[in-house]
N, C-alpha and C. Protein backbone atom coordinates (compact mmCIF):
# COMPACT_ATOMS: atom_id res chain seq x y z
N UNK A 1 4.82 4.53 40.80
CA UNK A 1 5.03 3.47 40.37
C UNK A 1 4.18 2.86 39.48
N UNK A 2 2.76 2.96 39.71
CA UNK A 2 1.87 2.25 39.03
C UNK A 2 1.55 2.93 37.66
N UNK A 3 2.01 4.34 37.67
CA UNK A 3 1.89 5.24 36.43
C UNK A 3 3.04 4.76 35.61
N UNK A 4 3.99 4.63 35.92
CA UNK A 4 5.33 4.23 35.27
C UNK A 4 5.04 2.97 34.63
N UNK A 5 4.42 1.61 35.28
CA UNK A 5 4.14 0.82 34.63
C UNK A 5 3.20 0.85 33.66
N UNK A 6 2.10 1.43 33.85
CA UNK A 6 0.95 1.39 32.82
C UNK A 6 1.57 2.25 31.63
N UNK A 7 2.46 3.18 31.92
CA UNK A 7 3.07 4.03 30.73
C UNK A 7 4.10 3.35 29.61
N UNK A 8 4.63 2.25 30.62
CA UNK A 8 5.53 1.24 30.05
C UNK A 8 4.72 0.27 29.33
N UNK A 9 3.71 -0.01 29.61
CA UNK A 9 2.91 -1.13 28.97
C UNK A 9 2.54 -0.53 27.93
N UNK A 10 1.88 0.76 27.83
CA UNK A 10 1.02 1.45 26.90
C UNK A 10 2.23 1.73 25.67
N UNK A 11 3.37 1.89 25.81
CA UNK A 11 4.51 2.04 24.98
C UNK A 11 4.80 0.58 24.46
N UNK A 12 5.13 -0.30 25.04
CA UNK A 12 5.48 -1.59 24.70
C UNK A 12 4.31 -2.21 23.62
N UNK A 13 2.90 -2.02 24.21
CA UNK A 13 1.69 -2.46 23.17
C UNK A 13 1.73 -1.69 22.01
N UNK A 14 1.81 -0.37 21.94
CA UNK A 14 2.29 0.78 20.84
C UNK A 14 3.52 0.25 19.91
N UNK A 15 4.30 -0.10 20.36
CA UNK A 15 5.24 -0.81 19.54
C UNK A 15 5.21 -1.94 19.02
N UNK A 16 4.48 -2.93 19.55
CA UNK A 16 3.87 -4.02 19.32
C UNK A 16 2.81 -3.67 17.77
N UNK A 17 1.85 -2.61 17.92
CA UNK A 17 0.96 -2.34 17.20
C UNK A 17 1.68 -1.85 15.88
N UNK A 18 2.55 -0.87 15.80
CA UNK A 18 3.71 -0.48 14.91
C UNK A 18 4.38 -1.86 14.31
N UNK A 19 4.96 -2.62 15.13
CA UNK A 19 5.26 -3.80 14.48
C UNK A 19 4.76 -4.61 13.72
N UNK A 20 3.22 -4.59 14.17
CA UNK A 20 2.30 -5.83 13.69
C UNK A 20 1.88 -5.23 12.26
N UNK A 21 1.55 -3.86 12.28
CA UNK A 21 1.17 -3.23 10.92
C UNK A 21 2.19 -3.07 10.01
N UNK A 22 3.42 -2.86 10.20
CA UNK A 22 4.65 -2.85 9.41
C UNK A 22 4.75 -4.05 8.80
N UNK A 23 4.67 -5.37 9.60
CA UNK A 23 4.74 -6.57 8.95
C UNK A 23 3.71 -6.98 8.03
N UNK A 24 2.56 -6.48 8.58
CA UNK A 24 1.16 -6.78 7.54
C UNK A 24 1.36 -6.20 6.24
N UNK A 25 1.62 -4.81 6.39
CA UNK A 25 2.12 -3.93 4.98
C UNK A 25 2.94 -4.21 4.43
N UNK A 26 3.88 -4.72 4.93
CA UNK A 26 4.95 -5.08 4.06
C UNK A 26 4.94 -6.27 3.28
N UNK A 27 4.11 -7.28 3.92
CA UNK A 27 3.45 -8.39 2.95
C UNK A 27 2.77 -8.24 2.00
N UNK A 28 1.90 -6.67 2.07
CA UNK A 28 0.92 -6.66 1.21
C UNK A 28 1.67 -5.94 0.01
N UNK A 29 2.71 -5.24 0.37
CA UNK A 29 3.52 -4.60 -0.84
C UNK A 29 4.34 -5.45 -1.58
N UNK A 30 4.54 -6.69 -0.90
CA UNK A 30 5.21 -7.97 -1.75
C UNK A 30 4.15 -8.72 -2.32
N UNK A 31 2.84 -8.69 -1.93
CA UNK A 31 1.87 -9.39 -2.91
C UNK A 31 1.40 -8.16 -4.21
N UNK A 32 1.46 -7.03 -4.00
CA UNK A 32 1.22 -6.19 -4.95
C UNK A 32 2.56 -6.23 -6.30
N UNK A 33 3.69 -6.28 -5.82
CA UNK A 33 4.90 -6.28 -6.42
C UNK A 33 4.82 -7.92 -7.31
N UNK A 34 4.54 -9.00 -6.28
CA UNK A 34 4.39 -10.43 -6.97
C UNK A 34 3.46 -10.52 -7.91
N UNK A 35 2.53 -9.55 -7.89
CA UNK A 35 1.44 -10.06 -9.00
C UNK A 35 2.08 -9.11 -10.28
N UNK A 36 2.45 -8.35 -10.01
CA UNK A 36 2.92 -7.46 -11.43
C UNK A 36 4.05 -8.06 -11.96
N UNK A 37 4.80 -8.96 -11.08
CA UNK A 37 5.79 -9.63 -11.71
C UNK A 37 4.85 -11.08 -12.51
N UNK A 38 4.19 -11.57 -11.84
CA UNK A 38 3.51 -12.58 -12.72
C UNK A 38 2.37 -12.28 -13.73
N UNK A 39 1.92 -11.08 -13.49
CA UNK A 39 1.29 -10.44 -14.89
C UNK A 39 2.19 -10.26 -15.86
N UNK A 40 3.51 -9.84 -15.98
CA UNK A 40 4.15 -9.38 -17.00
C UNK A 40 4.03 -10.38 -17.85
N UNK A 41 3.90 -9.73 -19.10
CA UNK A 41 3.78 -10.99 -20.29
C UNK A 41 2.71 -11.86 -20.73
N UNK A 42 1.81 -11.66 -19.58
CA UNK A 42 0.39 -12.46 -19.71
C UNK A 42 -0.59 -11.42 -20.07
N UNK A 43 -1.55 -12.18 -20.65
CA UNK A 43 -2.89 -11.39 -21.04
C UNK A 43 -3.85 -11.35 -19.40
N UNK A 44 -3.74 -10.43 -18.86
CA UNK A 44 -4.32 -10.16 -17.69
C UNK A 44 -6.06 -9.64 -17.67
N UNK A 45 -6.54 -10.32 -17.44
CA UNK A 45 -8.02 -9.96 -17.81
C UNK A 45 -8.55 -8.98 -16.71
N UNK A 46 -9.18 -7.97 -17.26
CA UNK A 46 -9.85 -6.79 -16.43
C UNK A 46 -10.61 -7.34 -14.90
N UNK A 47 -11.04 -8.79 -15.24
CA UNK A 47 -11.74 -8.82 -13.85
C UNK A 47 -10.71 -9.30 -12.97
N UNK A 48 -9.58 -9.74 -13.51
CA UNK A 48 -8.33 -10.23 -12.43
C UNK A 48 -8.05 -8.95 -11.71
N UNK A 49 -7.74 -7.70 -12.62
CA UNK A 49 -7.16 -6.38 -12.14
C UNK A 49 -8.48 -5.95 -11.16
N UNK A 50 -9.76 -6.03 -11.55
CA UNK A 50 -10.73 -5.81 -10.48
C UNK A 50 -10.57 -6.43 -9.18
N UNK A 51 -10.35 -7.51 -9.59
CA UNK A 51 -10.48 -8.18 -8.05
C UNK A 51 -9.33 -8.02 -7.09
N UNK A 52 -7.99 -7.77 -7.66
CA UNK A 52 -7.13 -7.57 -6.95
C UNK A 52 -7.23 -5.87 -6.19
N UNK A 53 -7.73 -5.19 -7.30
CA UNK A 53 -7.98 -3.84 -6.72
C UNK A 53 -9.19 -3.80 -5.57
N UNK A 54 -10.01 -4.97 -5.76
CA UNK A 54 -11.19 -4.85 -4.55
C UNK A 54 -10.48 -5.69 -3.25
N UNK A 55 -9.41 -6.36 -3.39
CA UNK A 55 -8.70 -6.86 -2.38
C UNK A 55 -8.02 -6.18 -1.65
N UNK A 56 -7.36 -5.27 -2.09
CA UNK A 56 -6.13 -4.53 -1.52
C UNK A 56 -6.32 -3.05 -1.39
N UNK A 57 -7.53 -2.44 -2.21
CA UNK A 57 -8.03 -1.22 -2.11
C UNK A 57 -9.08 -0.99 -1.76
N UNK A 58 -9.41 0.09 -1.12
CA UNK A 58 -10.74 0.68 -0.72
C UNK A 58 -11.58 1.12 -2.10
N UNK A 59 -12.95 1.13 -2.01
CA UNK A 59 -13.66 1.53 -2.95
C UNK A 59 -13.45 2.75 -3.47
N UNK A 60 -13.04 3.90 -2.62
CA UNK A 60 -12.93 5.20 -2.87
C UNK A 60 -11.27 5.56 -3.11
N UNK A 61 -10.70 4.73 -3.29
CA UNK A 61 -9.09 4.78 -3.55
C UNK A 61 -8.78 5.93 -4.39
N UNK A 62 -8.00 6.68 -4.14
CA UNK A 62 -7.36 7.76 -4.76
C UNK A 62 -5.84 7.87 -5.07
N UNK A 63 -5.46 8.55 -5.92
CA UNK A 63 -3.83 8.23 -6.57
C UNK A 63 -4.02 10.05 -6.62
N UNK A 64 -2.83 10.50 -5.76
CA UNK A 64 -2.78 12.13 -5.97
C UNK A 64 -1.38 12.19 -6.59
N UNK A 65 -0.97 12.98 -7.49
CA UNK A 65 0.41 13.44 -8.21
C UNK A 65 0.69 14.44 -7.52
N UNK A 66 2.32 14.72 -7.79
CA UNK A 66 2.89 15.99 -7.14
C UNK A 66 2.28 17.10 -7.18
N UNK A 67 1.38 17.28 -8.24
CA UNK A 67 0.64 18.52 -8.34
C UNK A 67 -0.44 18.69 -7.59
N UNK A 68 -0.63 17.66 -6.81
CA UNK A 68 -1.94 17.53 -5.98
C UNK A 68 -3.32 17.07 -6.94
N UNK A 69 -3.14 16.86 -8.18
CA UNK A 69 -4.17 16.24 -9.05
C UNK A 69 -4.29 15.14 -8.61
N UNK A 70 -5.85 14.70 -8.17
CA UNK A 70 -6.34 13.45 -7.63
C UNK A 70 -6.97 12.29 -8.88
N UNK A 71 -6.77 11.28 -8.86
CA UNK A 71 -7.50 10.39 -9.69
C UNK A 71 -8.09 9.44 -8.99
N UNK A 72 -9.28 8.88 -9.25
CA UNK A 72 -10.01 7.85 -8.64
C UNK A 72 -9.36 6.40 -9.50
N UNK A 73 -9.87 5.28 -8.79
CA UNK A 73 -9.52 4.21 -9.45
C UNK A 73 -10.12 3.99 -10.98
N UNK A 74 -11.61 4.48 -10.97
CA UNK A 74 -12.18 4.58 -12.40
C UNK A 74 -11.26 5.59 -13.41
N UNK A 75 -10.59 6.26 -12.91
CA UNK A 75 -9.77 7.22 -13.93
C UNK A 75 -8.60 6.39 -14.33
N UNK A 76 -8.03 5.66 -13.38
CA UNK A 76 -6.68 4.84 -13.85
C UNK A 76 -6.84 3.46 -14.33
N UNK A 77 -8.05 2.84 -14.01
CA UNK A 77 -8.56 1.55 -14.28
C UNK A 77 -7.87 1.17 -15.79
N UNK A 78 -8.11 1.99 -16.74
CA UNK A 78 -8.07 1.65 -18.13
C UNK A 78 -6.57 1.41 -18.62
N UNK A 79 -5.68 2.52 -18.04
CA UNK A 79 -4.41 2.57 -18.11
C UNK A 79 -3.69 1.17 -17.24
N UNK A 80 -4.49 0.93 -16.37
CA UNK A 80 -3.68 -0.26 -15.50
C UNK A 80 -3.94 -1.82 -16.30
N UNK A 81 -4.96 -1.74 -16.59
CA UNK A 81 -5.12 -3.04 -17.38
C UNK A 81 -4.37 -2.82 -18.89
N UNK A 82 -4.37 -1.95 -19.48
CA UNK A 82 -3.58 -1.74 -20.79
C UNK A 82 -2.00 -2.16 -20.37
N UNK A 83 -1.59 -1.77 -19.13
CA UNK A 83 -0.16 -1.78 -18.71
C UNK A 83 0.34 -2.92 -17.83
N UNK A 84 -0.85 -3.82 -17.38
CA UNK A 84 -0.64 -4.75 -16.73
C UNK A 84 0.25 -6.13 -17.18
N UNK A 85 0.35 -6.21 -18.08
CA UNK A 85 1.02 -7.32 -18.95
C UNK A 85 2.49 -7.02 -19.41
N UNK A 86 2.89 -5.51 -19.39
CA UNK A 86 4.03 -4.97 -19.36
C UNK A 86 5.27 -5.57 -18.27
N UNK A 87 6.49 -5.68 -18.60
CA UNK A 87 7.24 -6.19 -17.44
C UNK A 87 7.82 -4.98 -16.90
N UNK A 88 7.97 -5.26 -15.34
CA UNK A 88 8.32 -3.70 -14.70
C UNK A 88 9.70 -3.69 -15.17
N UNK A 89 10.03 -2.39 -15.00
CA UNK A 89 11.33 -2.14 -15.15
C UNK A 89 12.49 -2.70 -14.58
N UNK A 90 12.58 -3.14 -13.33
CA UNK A 90 13.45 -3.58 -12.64
C UNK A 90 12.97 -4.95 -12.04
N UNK A 91 13.69 -6.05 -12.03
CA UNK A 91 13.39 -7.16 -11.49
C UNK A 91 12.85 -7.55 -10.35
N UNK A 92 13.73 -6.45 -9.36
CA UNK A 92 13.30 -6.31 -8.01
C UNK A 92 12.28 -5.20 -7.62
N UNK A 93 11.28 -5.72 -7.41
CA UNK A 93 10.08 -4.61 -6.54
C UNK A 93 9.83 -4.44 -5.60
N UNK A 94 10.85 -4.69 -4.68
CA UNK A 94 10.73 -4.76 -3.01
C UNK A 94 10.50 -3.09 -3.14
N UNK A 95 9.43 -2.90 -1.96
CA UNK A 95 9.06 -1.74 -1.84
C UNK A 95 9.10 -1.36 -0.07
N UNK A 96 10.23 -1.57 0.50
CA UNK A 96 10.51 -1.33 1.78
C UNK A 96 9.89 -0.34 2.41
N UNK A 97 9.02 -0.18 3.51
CA UNK A 97 8.56 0.81 4.35
C UNK A 97 9.63 1.45 4.82
N UNK A 98 9.73 2.93 4.31
CA UNK A 98 10.66 3.97 5.18
C UNK A 98 10.38 4.24 6.53
N UNK A 99 8.95 4.81 6.48
CA UNK A 99 8.43 5.29 7.63
C UNK A 99 7.09 4.77 7.61
N UNK A 100 6.40 4.55 9.16
CA UNK A 100 5.17 4.09 9.25
C UNK A 100 4.58 4.75 10.49
N UNK A 101 3.61 5.58 10.32
CA UNK A 101 2.83 6.23 11.63
C UNK A 101 1.29 5.69 11.79
N UNK A 102 0.94 5.14 13.05
CA UNK A 102 0.00 4.74 13.22
C UNK A 102 -1.08 6.08 13.34
N UNK A 103 -2.15 5.90 13.36
CA UNK A 103 -3.38 6.77 13.76
C UNK A 103 -4.72 5.94 14.19
N UNK A 104 -5.65 6.26 14.93
CA UNK A 104 -6.73 5.81 15.18
C UNK A 104 -7.39 5.20 14.25
N UNK A 105 -7.35 5.57 13.04
CA UNK A 105 -8.32 4.92 11.92
C UNK A 105 -7.39 4.18 10.78
N UNK A 106 -6.18 4.11 11.07
CA UNK A 106 -5.14 3.41 10.20
C UNK A 106 -3.94 3.45 10.23
N UNK A 107 -3.21 3.80 9.39
CA UNK A 107 -1.69 4.10 9.40
C UNK A 107 -1.30 4.57 7.86
N UNK A 108 -0.10 5.44 8.03
CA UNK A 108 0.58 6.07 7.04
C UNK A 108 1.82 5.28 6.73
N UNK A 109 2.16 4.90 5.51
CA UNK A 109 3.38 4.56 5.20
C UNK A 109 3.91 5.08 3.72
N UNK A 110 5.21 5.48 4.14
CA UNK A 110 6.03 6.08 2.90
C UNK A 110 6.90 4.92 2.37
N UNK A 111 6.86 4.72 1.06
CA UNK A 111 7.72 3.68 0.61
C UNK A 111 8.15 4.60 -0.81
N UNK A 112 9.61 3.82 -1.25
CA UNK A 112 9.88 4.13 -2.69
C UNK A 112 9.54 2.87 -3.48
N UNK A 113 9.06 3.35 -4.65
CA UNK A 113 9.05 2.24 -5.70
C UNK A 113 10.04 1.93 -6.65
N UNK A 114 10.70 1.31 -6.61
CA UNK A 114 12.11 0.87 -7.41
C UNK A 114 12.05 1.18 -8.82
N UNK A 115 11.09 0.46 -9.30
CA UNK A 115 11.05 0.64 -10.91
C UNK A 115 10.90 2.10 -11.64
N UNK A 116 10.41 3.26 -10.71
CA UNK A 116 10.44 4.40 -11.10
C UNK A 116 10.88 5.26 -10.26
N UNK A 117 11.73 4.74 -9.03
CA UNK A 117 12.27 5.66 -8.13
C UNK A 117 11.35 6.65 -7.36
N UNK A 118 10.02 6.50 -7.79
CA UNK A 118 9.00 7.59 -7.02
C UNK A 118 8.60 7.37 -5.52
N UNK A 119 8.73 8.18 -4.62
CA UNK A 119 8.33 7.70 -2.98
C UNK A 119 6.97 8.43 -3.09
N UNK A 120 6.35 7.55 -2.42
CA UNK A 120 5.00 7.68 -1.92
C UNK A 120 4.31 7.57 -0.76
N UNK A 121 3.32 8.48 -0.05
CA UNK A 121 2.77 8.31 1.09
C UNK A 121 1.22 7.64 0.94
N UNK A 122 1.51 6.55 1.35
CA UNK A 122 0.02 5.38 1.57
C UNK A 122 -0.44 5.74 2.65
N UNK A 123 -1.85 6.00 2.36
CA UNK A 123 -2.85 6.08 3.84
C UNK A 123 -3.37 4.27 3.71
N UNK A 124 -3.59 3.62 4.69
CA UNK A 124 -4.10 2.74 4.99
C UNK A 124 -5.19 2.34 6.08
N UNK A 125 -6.22 1.75 5.62
CA UNK A 125 -7.03 1.78 6.95
C UNK A 125 -7.59 0.31 7.02
N UNK A 126 -7.94 -0.37 8.07
CA UNK A 126 -8.09 -1.68 8.75
C UNK A 126 -9.56 -1.80 8.55
N UNK A 127 -10.15 -2.90 7.87
CA UNK A 127 -11.38 -3.02 7.45
C UNK A 127 -11.51 -4.79 8.06
N UNK A 128 -12.18 -4.71 9.08
CA UNK A 128 -12.17 -6.15 9.45
C UNK A 128 -10.67 -6.47 10.19
N UNK A 129 -10.11 -7.50 9.37
CA UNK A 129 -9.20 -7.88 9.87
C UNK A 129 -7.77 -7.54 8.71
N UNK A 130 -8.43 -7.00 7.72
CA UNK A 130 -7.53 -6.88 6.37
C UNK A 130 -7.08 -5.15 6.11
N UNK A 131 -6.18 -5.08 5.79
CA UNK A 131 -5.76 -3.90 5.35
C UNK A 131 -5.95 -3.54 3.94
N UNK A 132 -6.32 -2.10 3.98
CA UNK A 132 -6.65 -1.81 2.47
C UNK A 132 -6.16 -0.28 2.42
N UNK A 133 -5.44 -0.15 0.86
CA UNK A 133 -4.83 1.17 0.87
C UNK A 133 -5.93 2.34 0.28
N UNK A 134 -6.14 3.27 0.88
CA UNK A 134 -7.37 4.20 0.49
C UNK A 134 -6.55 5.41 -0.26
N UNK A 135 -5.51 5.90 0.03
CA UNK A 135 -4.84 7.20 -0.81
C UNK A 135 -3.38 6.68 -1.15
N UNK A 136 -2.86 7.30 -2.45
CA UNK A 136 -1.19 7.11 -2.67
C UNK A 136 -1.36 8.57 -3.25
N UNK A 137 -0.25 8.91 -2.29
CA UNK A 137 0.26 10.47 -2.70
C UNK A 137 1.69 10.55 -3.05
N UNK A 138 1.94 10.92 -4.35
CA UNK A 138 3.18 10.88 -4.84
C UNK A 138 3.99 12.23 -4.09
N UNK A 139 5.14 11.62 -3.47
CA UNK A 139 5.99 13.06 -2.73
C UNK A 139 7.01 13.54 -3.69
């Protein structure tokens, strides 16, 4: 009986942890999308882009394309600054989390970006009370 109670409590806590992570990350995807919409048509300073990156991404963040080629933030920074003022292809930038898997050091979320139709597997880590994206891998 005690074993069943402990296992049930563990499952419920695990479900709560998954729910909490999903809610937190879905909010961060919303912030990323909102920032893109607000930057469209504006002259966005490189400092603003860097501040956003420092807030939501790890210092060693990487993007991996379908072919497995990895790029760092410094590789992509110039392009991101140049394109930050361009309007997104779609007005709706909601990136719903399709799948979420927790691990001891963070979680992995699968999302599809509507403006490109591209699906990504994002690896997030918790630093203090904040989630930061560590890797974005194109599927």
